[in-house]
């Protein structure tokens, strides 16, 4: 199945949009169900994020907090960022693209796809994709609202 894609034009410069949309510590401010997030140290020990760094996101699912780990597979600030899930029955691949429209506005596009492992092979087509299709526009609207009115 094709990825689920959502875009929004945001009245903020590309660098600000990129920094906010790709900071796991801020995910809970605009993503439904996220209760915590952080980047683990980069794989190469450097201060700056690099390919291979781990992104840990904790979501509230079915009344319990469930952490999931993704690996940073692309980083090109302030333009592109991507992670690929590495654990759990439902693994997301998330691609973020920020395109400057003017010096003070940008277009943010987020693409999400899922791979099921074990029970996830059943859950992805039955529930996960449907829920993501519903939540992604709501999440994008929340991100836009926060960025433009903060």
N, C-alpha and C. Protein backbone atom coordinates (compact mmCIF):
# COMPACT_ATOMS: atom_id res chain seq x y z
N UNK A 1 0.84 -1.18 0.00
CA UNK A 1 0.00 0.00 0.00
C UNK A 1 0.89 1.25 0.00
N UNK A 2 0.39 2.32 -0.60
CA UNK A 2 1.19 3.55 -0.62
C UNK A 2 1.25 4.18 0.78
N UNK A 3 2.28 4.99 1.04
CA UNK A 3 2.37 5.66 2.33
C UNK A 3 1.22 6.66 2.50
N UNK A 4 0.98 7.03 3.74
CA UNK A 4 -0.02 8.05 4.07
C UNK A 4 0.73 9.37 4.13
N UNK A 5 0.28 10.35 3.35
CA UNK A 5 1.00 11.62 3.21
C UNK A 5 0.10 12.78 3.60
N UNK A 6 0.64 13.69 4.40
CA UNK A 6 -0.07 14.90 4.80
C UNK A 6 0.86 16.09 4.66
N UNK A 7 0.34 17.20 4.14
CA UNK A 7 1.13 18.42 3.97
C UNK A 7 0.38 19.61 4.53
N UNK A 8 1.16 20.63 4.90
CA UNK A 8 0.58 21.91 5.34
C UNK A 8 1.57 23.02 5.06
N UNK A 9 1.03 24.18 4.70
CA UNK A 9 1.84 25.38 4.57
C UNK A 9 1.82 26.08 5.92
N UNK A 10 3.00 26.41 6.42
CA UNK A 10 3.15 26.95 7.77
C UNK A 10 3.87 28.29 7.69
N UNK A 11 3.32 29.29 8.37
CA UNK A 11 3.90 30.63 8.37
C UNK A 11 5.08 30.72 9.34
N UNK A 12 6.11 29.96 9.02
CA UNK A 12 7.37 29.96 9.78
C UNK A 12 8.49 29.58 8.82
N UNK A 13 9.70 30.08 9.05
CA UNK A 13 10.82 29.71 8.20
C UNK A 13 11.11 28.21 8.25
N UNK A 14 11.68 27.70 7.18
CA UNK A 14 11.96 26.26 7.05
C UNK A 14 12.78 25.72 8.22
N UNK A 15 13.80 26.45 8.65
CA UNK A 15 14.66 25.96 9.74
C UNK A 15 13.86 25.76 11.03
N UNK A 16 12.92 26.68 11.32
CA UNK A 16 12.09 26.54 12.53
C UNK A 16 11.14 25.35 12.41
N UNK A 17 10.53 25.20 11.25
CA UNK A 17 9.60 24.10 11.04
C UNK A 17 10.35 22.77 11.15
N UNK A 18 11.50 22.67 10.52
CA UNK A 18 12.29 21.45 10.57
C UNK A 18 12.66 21.12 12.02
N UNK A 19 13.18 22.10 12.75
CA UNK A 19 13.61 21.86 14.13
C UNK A 19 12.46 21.36 15.00
N UNK A 20 11.29 21.95 14.84
CA UNK A 20 10.13 21.56 15.66
C UNK A 20 9.58 20.19 15.25
N UNK A 21 9.39 20.00 13.95
CA UNK A 21 8.74 18.77 13.46
C UNK A 21 9.60 17.53 13.66
N UNK A 22 10.90 17.69 13.80
CA UNK A 22 11.80 16.53 13.92
C UNK A 22 12.36 16.35 15.32
N UNK A 23 11.86 17.10 16.29
CA UNK A 23 12.34 16.99 17.67
C UNK A 23 11.41 16.05 18.45
N UNK A 24 11.86 14.82 18.73
CA UNK A 24 10.99 13.87 19.44
C UNK A 24 10.53 14.37 20.81
N UNK A 25 11.29 15.24 21.44
CA UNK A 25 10.88 15.79 22.74
C UNK A 25 9.65 16.67 22.59
N UNK A 26 9.34 17.13 21.38
CA UNK A 26 8.17 17.98 21.13
C UNK A 26 7.01 17.22 20.51
N UNK A 27 7.20 15.95 20.13
CA UNK A 27 6.14 15.18 19.47
C UNK A 27 4.85 15.17 20.27
N UNK A 28 4.95 15.08 21.61
CA UNK A 28 3.73 14.99 22.43
C UNK A 28 2.90 16.27 22.36
N UNK A 29 3.50 17.38 21.90
CA UNK A 29 2.77 18.64 21.78
C UNK A 29 1.82 18.65 20.58
N UNK A 30 2.08 17.77 19.60
CA UNK A 30 1.25 17.83 18.39
C UNK A 30 0.82 16.47 17.85
N UNK A 31 1.35 15.38 18.39
CA UNK A 31 0.95 14.06 17.90
C UNK A 31 0.07 13.36 18.94
N UNK A 32 -1.11 12.99 18.50
CA UNK A 32 -2.05 12.28 19.37
C UNK A 32 -1.44 10.97 19.86
N UNK A 33 -1.56 10.72 21.16
CA UNK A 33 -1.11 9.47 21.73
C UNK A 33 0.35 9.45 22.17
N UNK A 34 1.16 10.41 21.73
CA UNK A 34 2.57 10.42 22.14
C UNK A 34 2.67 11.02 23.54
N UNK A 35 3.36 10.32 24.45
CA UNK A 35 3.54 10.81 25.81
C UNK A 35 4.99 11.19 26.10
N UNK A 36 5.94 10.71 25.28
CA UNK A 36 7.34 11.03 25.51
C UNK A 36 8.14 10.72 24.25
N UNK A 37 9.25 11.39 24.10
CA UNK A 37 10.14 11.11 22.98
C UNK A 37 11.51 11.70 23.22
N UNK A 38 12.52 11.06 22.68
CA UNK A 38 13.88 11.58 22.76
C UNK A 38 14.78 10.88 21.75
N UNK A 39 15.89 11.52 21.46
CA UNK A 39 16.93 10.91 20.63
C UNK A 39 17.98 10.37 21.56
N UNK A 40 18.40 9.13 21.34
CA UNK A 40 19.55 8.59 22.05
C UNK A 40 20.80 9.16 21.41
N UNK A 41 21.90 8.99 22.06
CA UNK A 41 23.17 9.50 21.54
C UNK A 41 23.39 9.01 20.12
N UNK A 42 23.97 9.85 19.28
CA UNK A 42 24.28 9.41 17.91
C UNK A 42 25.18 8.18 17.93
N UNK A 43 25.02 7.36 16.92
CA UNK A 43 25.78 6.11 16.83
C UNK A 43 27.28 6.34 16.78
N UNK A 44 27.72 7.48 16.25
CA UNK A 44 29.15 7.73 16.12
C UNK A 44 29.74 8.48 17.32
N UNK A 45 28.92 8.78 18.33
CA UNK A 45 29.39 9.46 19.53
C UNK A 45 29.54 10.96 19.37
N UNK A 46 29.23 11.50 18.22
CA UNK A 46 29.35 12.94 17.98
C UNK A 46 28.19 13.69 18.65
N UNK A 47 28.34 14.98 18.79
CA UNK A 47 27.28 15.80 19.38
C UNK A 47 26.09 15.96 18.43
N UNK A 48 26.37 16.16 17.15
CA UNK A 48 25.30 16.35 16.17
C UNK A 48 24.66 15.01 15.83
N UNK A 49 23.38 15.06 15.51
CA UNK A 49 22.70 13.83 15.09
C UNK A 49 23.28 13.31 13.79
N UNK A 50 23.34 12.01 13.69
CA UNK A 50 23.89 11.38 12.49
C UNK A 50 23.07 10.15 12.15
N UNK A 51 23.20 9.70 10.93
CA UNK A 51 22.55 8.46 10.50
C UNK A 51 22.90 7.37 11.52
N UNK A 52 21.89 6.61 11.92
CA UNK A 52 22.10 5.54 12.89
C UNK A 52 21.68 5.91 14.30
N UNK A 53 21.48 7.21 14.58
CA UNK A 53 21.00 7.62 15.90
C UNK A 53 19.63 6.99 16.15
N UNK A 54 19.30 6.77 17.41
CA UNK A 54 18.03 6.14 17.77
C UNK A 54 17.02 7.17 18.27
N UNK A 55 15.82 7.07 17.75
CA UNK A 55 14.69 7.90 18.17
C UNK A 55 13.74 7.01 18.95
N UNK A 56 13.51 7.34 20.22
CA UNK A 56 12.61 6.55 21.06
C UNK A 56 11.35 7.37 21.32
N UNK A 57 10.22 6.82 20.92
CA UNK A 57 8.93 7.48 21.10
C UNK A 57 8.03 6.57 21.92
N UNK A 58 7.40 7.14 22.96
CA UNK A 58 6.48 6.37 23.79
C UNK A 58 5.06 6.85 23.51
N UNK A 59 4.20 5.92 23.15
CA UNK A 59 2.79 6.22 22.86
C UNK A 59 1.90 5.52 23.87
N UNK A 60 0.77 6.14 24.14
CA UNK A 60 -0.25 5.55 24.99
C UNK A 60 -1.16 4.74 24.07
N UNK A 61 -1.10 3.39 24.20
CA UNK A 61 -1.89 2.50 23.35
C UNK A 61 -2.59 1.49 24.25
N UNK A 62 -3.91 1.42 24.12
CA UNK A 62 -4.66 0.44 24.90
C UNK A 62 -4.47 0.58 26.40
N UNK A 63 -4.33 1.79 26.89
CA UNK A 63 -4.21 2.02 28.32
C UNK A 63 -2.82 1.82 28.89
N UNK A 64 -1.83 1.55 28.03
CA UNK A 64 -0.46 1.35 28.51
C UNK A 64 0.51 2.19 27.68
N UNK A 65 1.60 2.60 28.31
CA UNK A 65 2.66 3.31 27.59
C UNK A 65 3.55 2.29 26.89
N UNK A 66 3.72 2.48 25.58
CA UNK A 66 4.51 1.53 24.79
C UNK A 66 5.60 2.28 24.02
N UNK A 67 6.87 2.06 24.43
CA UNK A 67 7.97 2.70 23.70
C UNK A 67 8.27 1.96 22.41
N UNK A 68 8.73 2.71 21.42
CA UNK A 68 9.21 2.09 20.18
C UNK A 68 10.47 2.84 19.75
N UNK A 69 11.36 2.09 19.14
CA UNK A 69 12.64 2.65 18.71
C UNK A 69 12.69 2.68 17.19
N UNK A 70 13.18 3.79 16.69
CA UNK A 70 13.41 3.96 15.25
C UNK A 70 14.85 4.39 15.06
N UNK A 71 15.35 4.10 13.87
CA UNK A 71 16.71 4.51 13.52
C UNK A 71 16.65 5.66 12.54
N UNK A 72 17.46 6.68 12.79
CA UNK A 72 17.56 7.81 11.88
C UNK A 72 18.26 7.34 10.60
N UNK A 73 17.54 7.41 9.47
CA UNK A 73 18.09 6.92 8.21
C UNK A 73 18.38 8.04 7.21
N UNK A 74 17.91 9.26 7.50
CA UNK A 74 18.21 10.41 6.66
C UNK A 74 18.15 11.66 7.52
N UNK A 75 19.13 12.54 7.35
CA UNK A 75 19.09 13.85 8.00
C UNK A 75 19.82 14.85 7.11
N UNK A 76 19.06 15.88 6.71
CA UNK A 76 19.58 16.92 5.84
C UNK A 76 18.89 18.23 6.23
N UNK A 77 19.27 18.80 7.42
CA UNK A 77 18.61 20.01 7.89
C UNK A 77 18.85 21.18 6.93
N UNK A 78 17.90 22.05 6.77
CA UNK A 78 16.54 22.03 7.32
C UNK A 78 15.53 21.48 6.32
N UNK A 79 15.92 20.46 5.59
CA UNK A 79 15.10 19.98 4.49
C UNK A 79 14.47 18.61 4.73
N UNK A 80 15.26 17.60 5.07
CA UNK A 80 14.75 16.23 5.10
C UNK A 80 15.23 15.48 6.33
N UNK A 81 14.35 14.60 6.82
CA UNK A 81 14.62 13.78 8.01
C UNK A 81 13.78 12.52 7.86
N UNK A 82 14.36 11.36 8.18
CA UNK A 82 13.58 10.12 8.07
C UNK A 82 14.04 9.12 9.11
N UNK A 83 13.08 8.37 9.65
CA UNK A 83 13.36 7.29 10.59
C UNK A 83 12.65 6.03 10.13
N UNK A 84 13.21 4.89 10.55
CA UNK A 84 12.62 3.58 10.25
C UNK A 84 12.53 2.80 11.54
N UNK A 85 11.33 2.28 11.87
CA UNK A 85 11.12 1.50 13.08
C UNK A 85 11.98 0.26 13.11
N UNK A 86 12.51 -0.06 14.30
CA UNK A 86 13.40 -1.22 14.42
C UNK A 86 12.92 -2.26 15.42
N UNK A 87 11.81 -1.97 16.13
CA UNK A 87 11.34 -2.96 17.09
C UNK A 87 9.81 -2.95 17.16
N UNK A 88 9.26 -3.96 17.81
CA UNK A 88 7.82 -4.05 18.01
C UNK A 88 7.09 -4.66 16.83
N UNK A 89 5.83 -4.98 17.04
CA UNK A 89 5.03 -5.61 16.00
C UNK A 89 4.61 -4.66 14.88
N UNK A 90 4.61 -3.34 15.17
CA UNK A 90 4.22 -2.34 14.17
C UNK A 90 5.38 -1.36 14.05
N UNK A 91 5.99 -1.32 12.88
CA UNK A 91 7.17 -0.48 12.66
C UNK A 91 6.86 0.57 11.60
N UNK A 92 7.01 1.81 11.99
CA UNK A 92 6.72 2.92 11.08
C UNK A 92 7.99 3.39 10.37
N UNK A 93 7.81 3.79 9.13
CA UNK A 93 8.82 4.54 8.40
C UNK A 93 8.24 5.92 8.18
N UNK A 94 8.95 6.94 8.67
CA UNK A 94 8.46 8.31 8.63
C UNK A 94 9.45 9.17 7.86
N UNK A 95 8.95 9.89 6.87
CA UNK A 95 9.76 10.82 6.09
C UNK A 95 9.20 12.22 6.27
N UNK A 96 10.08 13.16 6.61
CA UNK A 96 9.70 14.56 6.79
C UNK A 96 10.43 15.38 5.73
N UNK A 97 9.69 16.21 5.03
CA UNK A 97 10.26 17.10 4.02
C UNK A 97 9.78 18.52 4.30
N UNK A 98 10.72 19.47 4.38
CA UNK A 98 10.38 20.87 4.60
C UNK A 98 10.89 21.66 3.39
N UNK A 99 9.96 22.35 2.74
CA UNK A 99 10.31 23.14 1.56
C UNK A 99 10.04 24.61 1.85
N UNK A 100 11.04 25.48 1.71
CA UNK A 100 10.77 26.90 1.90
C UNK A 100 9.88 27.44 0.79
N UNK A 101 8.87 28.21 1.16
CA UNK A 101 8.00 28.86 0.18
C UNK A 101 8.43 30.31 0.01
N UNK A 102 8.72 30.95 1.13
CA UNK A 102 9.28 32.31 1.17
C UNK A 102 10.29 32.29 2.31
N UNK A 103 10.87 33.44 2.62
CA UNK A 103 11.82 33.51 3.74
C UNK A 103 11.13 33.22 5.07
N UNK A 104 9.81 33.42 5.12
CA UNK A 104 9.10 33.27 6.40
C UNK A 104 7.99 32.22 6.38
N UNK A 105 7.93 31.40 5.32
CA UNK A 105 6.91 30.34 5.29
C UNK A 105 7.47 29.10 4.60
N UNK A 106 6.89 27.95 4.94
CA UNK A 106 7.36 26.66 4.43
C UNK A 106 6.22 25.70 4.24
N UNK A 107 6.49 24.68 3.45
CA UNK A 107 5.56 23.57 3.29
C UNK A 107 6.17 22.35 3.99
N UNK A 108 5.41 21.78 4.91
CA UNK A 108 5.82 20.58 5.63
C UNK A 108 5.03 19.40 5.08
N UNK A 109 5.74 18.35 4.68
CA UNK A 109 5.10 17.13 4.20
C UNK A 109 5.63 15.97 5.04
N UNK A 110 4.71 15.21 5.62
CA UNK A 110 5.07 14.04 6.41
C UNK A 110 4.42 12.82 5.76
N UNK A 111 5.25 11.82 5.52
CA UNK A 111 4.82 10.57 4.90
C UNK A 111 5.08 9.44 5.89
N UNK A 112 4.09 8.59 6.10
CA UNK A 112 4.20 7.48 7.06
C UNK A 112 3.77 6.19 6.38
N UNK A 113 4.55 5.16 6.60
CA UNK A 113 4.18 3.83 6.14
C UNK A 113 4.45 2.85 7.27
N UNK A 114 3.82 1.70 7.24
CA UNK A 114 3.93 0.73 8.33
C UNK A 114 4.26 -0.65 7.81
N UNK A 115 5.05 -1.36 8.61
CA UNK A 115 5.34 -2.76 8.36
C UNK A 115 4.93 -3.54 9.60
N UNK A 116 4.18 -4.60 9.41
CA UNK A 116 3.75 -5.43 10.53
C UNK A 116 4.65 -6.65 10.70
N UNK A 117 4.94 -6.98 11.95
CA UNK A 117 5.70 -8.17 12.30
C UNK A 117 4.88 -8.94 13.33
N UNK A 118 4.78 -10.26 13.19
CA UNK A 118 3.95 -11.04 14.12
C UNK A 118 2.51 -10.57 14.03
N UNK A 119 1.91 -10.26 15.21
CA UNK A 119 0.52 -9.80 15.26
C UNK A 119 0.33 -8.51 14.47
N UNK A 120 1.41 -7.74 14.30
CA UNK A 120 1.34 -6.50 13.53
C UNK A 120 0.94 -6.71 12.09
N UNK A 121 1.20 -7.91 11.54
CA UNK A 121 0.79 -8.19 10.15
C UNK A 121 -0.73 -8.13 10.01
N UNK A 122 -1.43 -8.41 11.09
CA UNK A 122 -2.90 -8.33 11.09
C UNK A 122 -3.35 -6.91 11.44
N UNK A 123 -2.68 -6.30 12.43
CA UNK A 123 -3.10 -4.99 12.93
C UNK A 123 -2.88 -3.86 11.92
N UNK A 124 -1.78 -3.91 11.16
CA UNK A 124 -1.50 -2.81 10.24
C UNK A 124 -2.64 -2.59 9.25
N UNK A 125 -3.07 -3.61 8.50
CA UNK A 125 -4.15 -3.34 7.54
C UNK A 125 -5.52 -3.15 8.20
N UNK A 126 -5.77 -3.78 9.34
CA UNK A 126 -7.09 -3.68 9.96
C UNK A 126 -7.31 -2.39 10.73
N UNK A 127 -6.28 -1.93 11.45
CA UNK A 127 -6.48 -0.79 12.34
C UNK A 127 -5.47 0.34 12.17
N UNK A 128 -4.23 0.01 12.08
CA UNK A 128 -3.16 1.01 12.17
C UNK A 128 -3.23 2.02 11.03
N UNK A 129 -3.32 1.55 9.80
CA UNK A 129 -3.37 2.47 8.67
C UNK A 129 -4.62 3.35 8.72
N UNK A 130 -5.76 2.77 9.08
CA UNK A 130 -7.00 3.55 9.17
C UNK A 130 -6.89 4.64 10.23
N UNK A 131 -6.33 4.29 11.38
CA UNK A 131 -6.16 5.26 12.47
C UNK A 131 -5.16 6.36 12.05
N UNK A 132 -4.08 5.97 11.40
CA UNK A 132 -3.08 6.96 10.95
C UNK A 132 -3.69 7.91 9.93
N UNK A 133 -4.50 7.39 9.00
CA UNK A 133 -5.14 8.24 8.00
C UNK A 133 -6.03 9.29 8.67
N UNK A 134 -6.64 8.92 9.77
CA UNK A 134 -7.51 9.84 10.51
C UNK A 134 -6.67 10.83 11.34
N UNK A 135 -5.64 10.33 12.01
CA UNK A 135 -4.86 11.16 12.94
C UNK A 135 -3.90 12.12 12.26
N UNK A 136 -3.32 11.72 11.13
CA UNK A 136 -2.28 12.57 10.53
C UNK A 136 -2.75 13.98 10.19
N UNK A 137 -3.92 14.18 9.58
CA UNK A 137 -4.37 15.56 9.34
C UNK A 137 -4.60 16.33 10.65
N UNK A 138 -5.10 15.64 11.68
CA UNK A 138 -5.31 16.28 12.98
C UNK A 138 -3.97 16.67 13.60
N UNK A 139 -2.99 15.78 13.51
CA UNK A 139 -1.66 16.07 14.03
C UNK A 139 -1.03 17.25 13.30
N UNK A 140 -1.15 17.26 11.97
CA UNK A 140 -0.58 18.34 11.18
C UNK A 140 -1.24 19.68 11.54
N UNK A 141 -2.55 19.67 11.73
CA UNK A 141 -3.26 20.89 12.11
C UNK A 141 -2.78 21.38 13.48
N UNK A 142 -2.55 20.45 14.40
CA UNK A 142 -2.05 20.82 15.73
C UNK A 142 -0.64 21.41 15.64
N UNK A 143 0.22 20.82 14.82
CA UNK A 143 1.57 21.34 14.63
C UNK A 143 1.51 22.76 14.04
N UNK A 144 0.72 22.93 13.01
CA UNK A 144 0.57 24.25 12.36
C UNK A 144 0.09 25.28 13.38
N UNK A 145 -0.92 24.94 14.13
CA UNK A 145 -1.49 25.84 15.15
C UNK A 145 -0.43 26.26 16.16
N UNK A 146 0.32 25.28 16.68
CA UNK A 146 1.36 25.56 17.67
C UNK A 146 2.45 26.45 17.12
N UNK A 147 2.88 26.15 15.89
CA UNK A 147 3.99 26.92 15.31
C UNK A 147 3.57 28.35 14.97
N UNK A 148 2.36 28.52 14.46
CA UNK A 148 1.95 29.85 14.02
C UNK A 148 1.43 30.72 15.15
N UNK A 149 1.07 30.12 16.27
CA UNK A 149 0.47 30.90 17.36
C UNK A 149 1.24 30.79 18.66
N UNK A 150 2.53 30.50 18.55
CA UNK A 150 3.32 30.42 19.79
C UNK A 150 4.33 31.54 19.86
